[in-house]
Amino acid sequence: MIKRHVLCLNFSDKEHLVIAQKLAKVNADVILQKASLNEVTNEDNGLSKANLILLMLSNNIEESKTLLKQVKKQF
């Protein structure tokens, strides 16, 4: 089975841990990668290997728009 890459953007450590625990509970064969907005804006990061992106949007609309634009640029 092929391992899938799941990119978790803007999740806290606690939220990331919960996601990892739930995926382990269902025996999902995935590689979790945690990143922030600063890492997404770094074009050398090579985020295109992600098969699934989980994106935590904030209450700040402008920040969320910026994050979405940066993620779209990667693909």
N, C-alpha and C. Protein backbone atom coordinates (compact mmCIF):
# COMPACT_ATOMS: atom_id res chain seq x y z
N MET A 1 0.84 -1.18 0.00
CA MET A 1 0.00 0.00 0.00
C MET A 1 0.88 1.25 0.00
N ILE A 2 0.49 2.24 -0.76
CA ILE A 2 1.25 3.47 -0.88
C ILE A 2 0.94 4.39 0.29
N LYS A 3 1.99 4.90 0.92
CA LYS A 3 1.78 5.88 1.99
C LYS A 3 1.33 7.20 1.39
N ARG A 4 0.36 7.80 2.01
CA ARG A 4 -0.15 9.10 1.58
C ARG A 4 0.41 10.18 2.48
N HIS A 5 0.67 11.32 1.92
CA HIS A 5 1.19 12.46 2.68
C HIS A 5 0.03 13.40 3.02
N VAL A 6 -0.15 13.67 4.30
CA VAL A 6 -1.18 14.59 4.76
C VAL A 6 -0.48 15.80 5.37
N LEU A 7 -0.78 16.95 4.85
CA LEU A 7 -0.19 18.20 5.32
C LEU A 7 -1.20 18.93 6.19
N CYS A 8 -0.86 19.17 7.43
CA CYS A 8 -1.73 19.89 8.38
C CYS A 8 -1.20 21.31 8.52
N LEU A 9 -1.97 22.27 8.04
CA LEU A 9 -1.54 23.67 8.07
C LEU A 9 -2.27 24.44 9.15
N ASN A 10 -1.48 25.12 9.97
CA ASN A 10 -1.97 26.03 11.02
C ASN A 10 -2.75 25.34 12.13
N PHE A 11 -2.43 24.09 12.41
CA PHE A 11 -3.03 23.39 13.55
C PHE A 11 -2.09 23.52 14.75
N SER A 12 -2.67 23.60 15.93
CA SER A 12 -1.85 23.64 17.14
C SER A 12 -1.25 22.25 17.38
N ASP A 13 -0.29 22.18 18.27
CA ASP A 13 0.31 20.89 18.61
C ASP A 13 -0.74 19.91 19.12
N LYS A 14 -1.64 20.40 19.94
CA LYS A 14 -2.69 19.55 20.52
C LYS A 14 -3.63 19.03 19.42
N GLU A 15 -4.03 19.90 18.51
CA GLU A 15 -4.91 19.48 17.40
C GLU A 15 -4.20 18.49 16.49
N HIS A 16 -2.93 18.72 16.24
CA HIS A 16 -2.15 17.82 15.39
C HIS A 16 -2.05 16.44 16.04
N LEU A 17 -1.86 16.41 17.34
CA LEU A 17 -1.78 15.15 18.08
C LEU A 17 -3.10 14.39 17.99
N VAL A 18 -4.22 15.08 18.10
CA VAL A 18 -5.53 14.43 18.00
C VAL A 18 -5.72 13.83 16.60
N ILE A 19 -5.34 14.57 15.57
CA ILE A 19 -5.44 14.06 14.20
C ILE A 19 -4.59 12.80 14.05
N ALA A 20 -3.36 12.84 14.55
CA ALA A 20 -2.47 11.69 14.45
C ALA A 20 -3.04 10.48 15.19
N GLN A 21 -3.60 10.70 16.37
CA GLN A 21 -4.19 9.61 17.14
C GLN A 21 -5.38 8.99 16.42
N LYS A 22 -6.23 9.81 15.85
CA LYS A 22 -7.41 9.30 15.15
C LYS A 22 -7.02 8.53 13.90
N LEU A 23 -6.02 9.00 13.18
CA LEU A 23 -5.55 8.28 12.00
C LEU A 23 -4.90 6.96 12.38
N ALA A 24 -4.18 6.94 13.49
CA ALA A 24 -3.56 5.70 13.96
C ALA A 24 -4.62 4.70 14.40
N LYS A 25 -5.69 5.19 14.98
CA LYS A 25 -6.77 4.33 15.46
C LYS A 25 -7.44 3.57 14.31
N VAL A 26 -7.53 4.19 13.15
CA VAL A 26 -8.15 3.54 11.99
C VAL A 26 -7.10 2.89 11.07
N ASN A 27 -5.88 2.81 11.55
CA ASN A 27 -4.77 2.19 10.81
C ASN A 27 -4.54 2.83 9.44
N ALA A 28 -4.66 4.13 9.37
CA ALA A 28 -4.39 4.85 8.12
C ALA A 28 -2.88 4.85 7.87
N ASP A 29 -2.51 4.53 6.66
CA ASP A 29 -1.10 4.47 6.29
C ASP A 29 -0.70 5.82 5.69
N VAL A 30 -0.48 6.80 6.57
CA VAL A 30 -0.19 8.16 6.12
C VAL A 30 1.05 8.70 6.83
N ILE A 31 1.62 9.69 6.19
CA ILE A 31 2.71 10.46 6.79
C ILE A 31 2.15 11.84 7.06
N LEU A 32 2.12 12.23 8.32
CA LEU A 32 1.62 13.56 8.69
C LEU A 32 2.76 14.55 8.70
N GLN A 33 2.53 15.68 8.08
CA GLN A 33 3.51 16.76 8.10
C GLN A 33 2.80 18.00 8.62
N LYS A 34 3.38 18.62 9.61
CA LYS A 34 2.81 19.83 10.20
C LYS A 34 3.55 21.03 9.63
N ALA A 35 2.80 22.08 9.29
CA ALA A 35 3.43 23.28 8.74
C ALA A 35 2.63 24.51 9.18
N SER A 36 3.25 25.66 9.02
CA SER A 36 2.60 26.93 9.35
C SER A 36 2.58 27.81 8.10
N LEU A 37 1.96 28.96 8.23
CA LEU A 37 1.88 29.89 7.11
C LEU A 37 3.27 30.29 6.62
N ASN A 38 4.22 30.49 7.53
CA ASN A 38 5.58 30.86 7.15
C ASN A 38 6.24 29.78 6.31
N GLU A 39 5.99 28.53 6.62
CA GLU A 39 6.58 27.43 5.86
C GLU A 39 5.93 27.30 4.49
N VAL A 40 4.66 27.63 4.39
CA VAL A 40 3.97 27.57 3.10
C VAL A 40 4.47 28.67 2.18
N THR A 41 4.77 29.84 2.73
CA THR A 41 5.24 30.95 1.90
C THR A 41 6.66 30.72 1.39
N ASN A 42 7.38 29.79 1.98
CA ASN A 42 8.72 29.45 1.51
C ASN A 42 8.58 28.56 0.29
N GLU A 43 8.89 29.08 -0.88
CA GLU A 43 8.68 28.35 -2.13
C GLU A 43 9.59 27.14 -2.27
N ASP A 44 10.67 27.08 -1.51
CA ASP A 44 11.59 25.95 -1.59
C ASP A 44 11.10 24.75 -0.78
N ASN A 45 9.98 24.88 -0.10
CA ASN A 45 9.51 23.83 0.80
C ASN A 45 9.03 22.59 0.07
N GLY A 46 8.58 22.70 -1.18
CA GLY A 46 8.17 21.53 -1.94
C GLY A 46 6.95 20.85 -1.37
N LEU A 47 5.88 21.57 -1.19
CA LEU A 47 4.67 21.01 -0.60
C LEU A 47 3.84 20.21 -1.59
N SER A 48 4.26 20.15 -2.83
CA SER A 48 3.46 19.48 -3.85
C SER A 48 3.37 17.97 -3.65
N LYS A 49 4.19 17.40 -2.76
CA LYS A 49 4.10 15.95 -2.52
C LYS A 49 2.91 15.58 -1.65
N ALA A 50 2.22 16.57 -1.09
CA ALA A 50 1.07 16.30 -0.22
C ALA A 50 -0.10 15.77 -1.05
N ASN A 51 -0.71 14.69 -0.57
CA ASN A 51 -1.90 14.15 -1.21
C ASN A 51 -3.18 14.77 -0.66
N LEU A 52 -3.11 15.23 0.58
CA LEU A 52 -4.26 15.84 1.24
C LEU A 52 -3.78 16.98 2.12
N ILE A 53 -4.48 18.09 2.06
CA ILE A 53 -4.12 19.24 2.89
C ILE A 53 -5.28 19.53 3.83
N LEU A 54 -4.99 19.51 5.12
CA LEU A 54 -5.95 19.91 6.14
C LEU A 54 -5.57 21.32 6.54
N LEU A 55 -6.48 22.24 6.36
CA LEU A 55 -6.18 23.65 6.55
C LEU A 55 -7.04 24.23 7.66
N MET A 56 -6.40 24.76 8.70
CA MET A 56 -7.11 25.41 9.80
C MET A 56 -7.18 26.90 9.48
N LEU A 57 -8.38 27.36 9.16
CA LEU A 57 -8.57 28.78 8.89
C LEU A 57 -8.77 29.52 10.20
N SER A 58 -8.41 30.78 10.20
CA SER A 58 -8.54 31.58 11.42
C SER A 58 -9.76 32.49 11.33
N ASN A 59 -10.03 33.18 12.39
CA ASN A 59 -11.13 34.16 12.40
C ASN A 59 -10.76 35.41 11.61
N ASN A 60 -9.48 35.58 11.34
CA ASN A 60 -8.99 36.72 10.58
C ASN A 60 -9.13 36.41 9.09
N ILE A 61 -10.05 37.08 8.43
CA ILE A 61 -10.35 36.79 7.03
C ILE A 61 -9.14 37.05 6.13
N GLU A 62 -8.43 38.13 6.35
CA GLU A 62 -7.27 38.46 5.51
C GLU A 62 -6.17 37.40 5.66
N GLU A 63 -5.93 36.96 6.87
CA GLU A 63 -4.92 35.93 7.10
C GLU A 63 -5.32 34.63 6.40
N SER A 64 -6.59 34.27 6.47
CA SER A 64 -7.08 33.06 5.82
C SER A 64 -6.97 33.16 4.30
N LYS A 65 -7.29 34.33 3.74
CA LYS A 65 -7.16 34.53 2.30
C LYS A 65 -5.71 34.40 1.86
N THR A 66 -4.80 34.97 2.64
CA THR A 66 -3.37 34.88 2.33
C THR A 66 -2.91 33.43 2.35
N LEU A 67 -3.34 32.70 3.35
CA LEU A 67 -2.96 31.29 3.45
C LEU A 67 -3.48 30.50 2.26
N LEU A 68 -4.73 30.71 1.89
CA LEU A 68 -5.29 30.00 0.74
C LEU A 68 -4.54 30.33 -0.55
N LYS A 69 -4.18 31.59 -0.74
CA LYS A 69 -3.43 31.99 -1.93
C LYS A 69 -2.06 31.31 -1.96
N GLN A 70 -1.38 31.26 -0.80
CA GLN A 70 -0.06 30.64 -0.74
C GLN A 70 -0.14 29.14 -1.02
N VAL A 71 -1.17 28.50 -0.51
CA VAL A 71 -1.34 27.06 -0.76
C VAL A 71 -1.62 26.82 -2.24
N LYS A 72 -2.47 27.64 -2.84
CA LYS A 72 -2.79 27.49 -4.26
C LYS A 72 -1.55 27.66 -5.13
N LYS A 73 -0.65 28.56 -4.76
CA LYS A 73 0.58 28.78 -5.53
C LYS A 73 1.45 27.53 -5.60
N GLN A 74 1.35 26.68 -4.61
CA GLN A 74 2.19 25.49 -4.54
C GLN A 74 1.74 24.39 -5.51
N PHE A 75 0.51 24.50 -6.01
CA PHE A 75 -0.03 23.43 -6.85
C PHE A 75 -0.44 23.89 -8.22
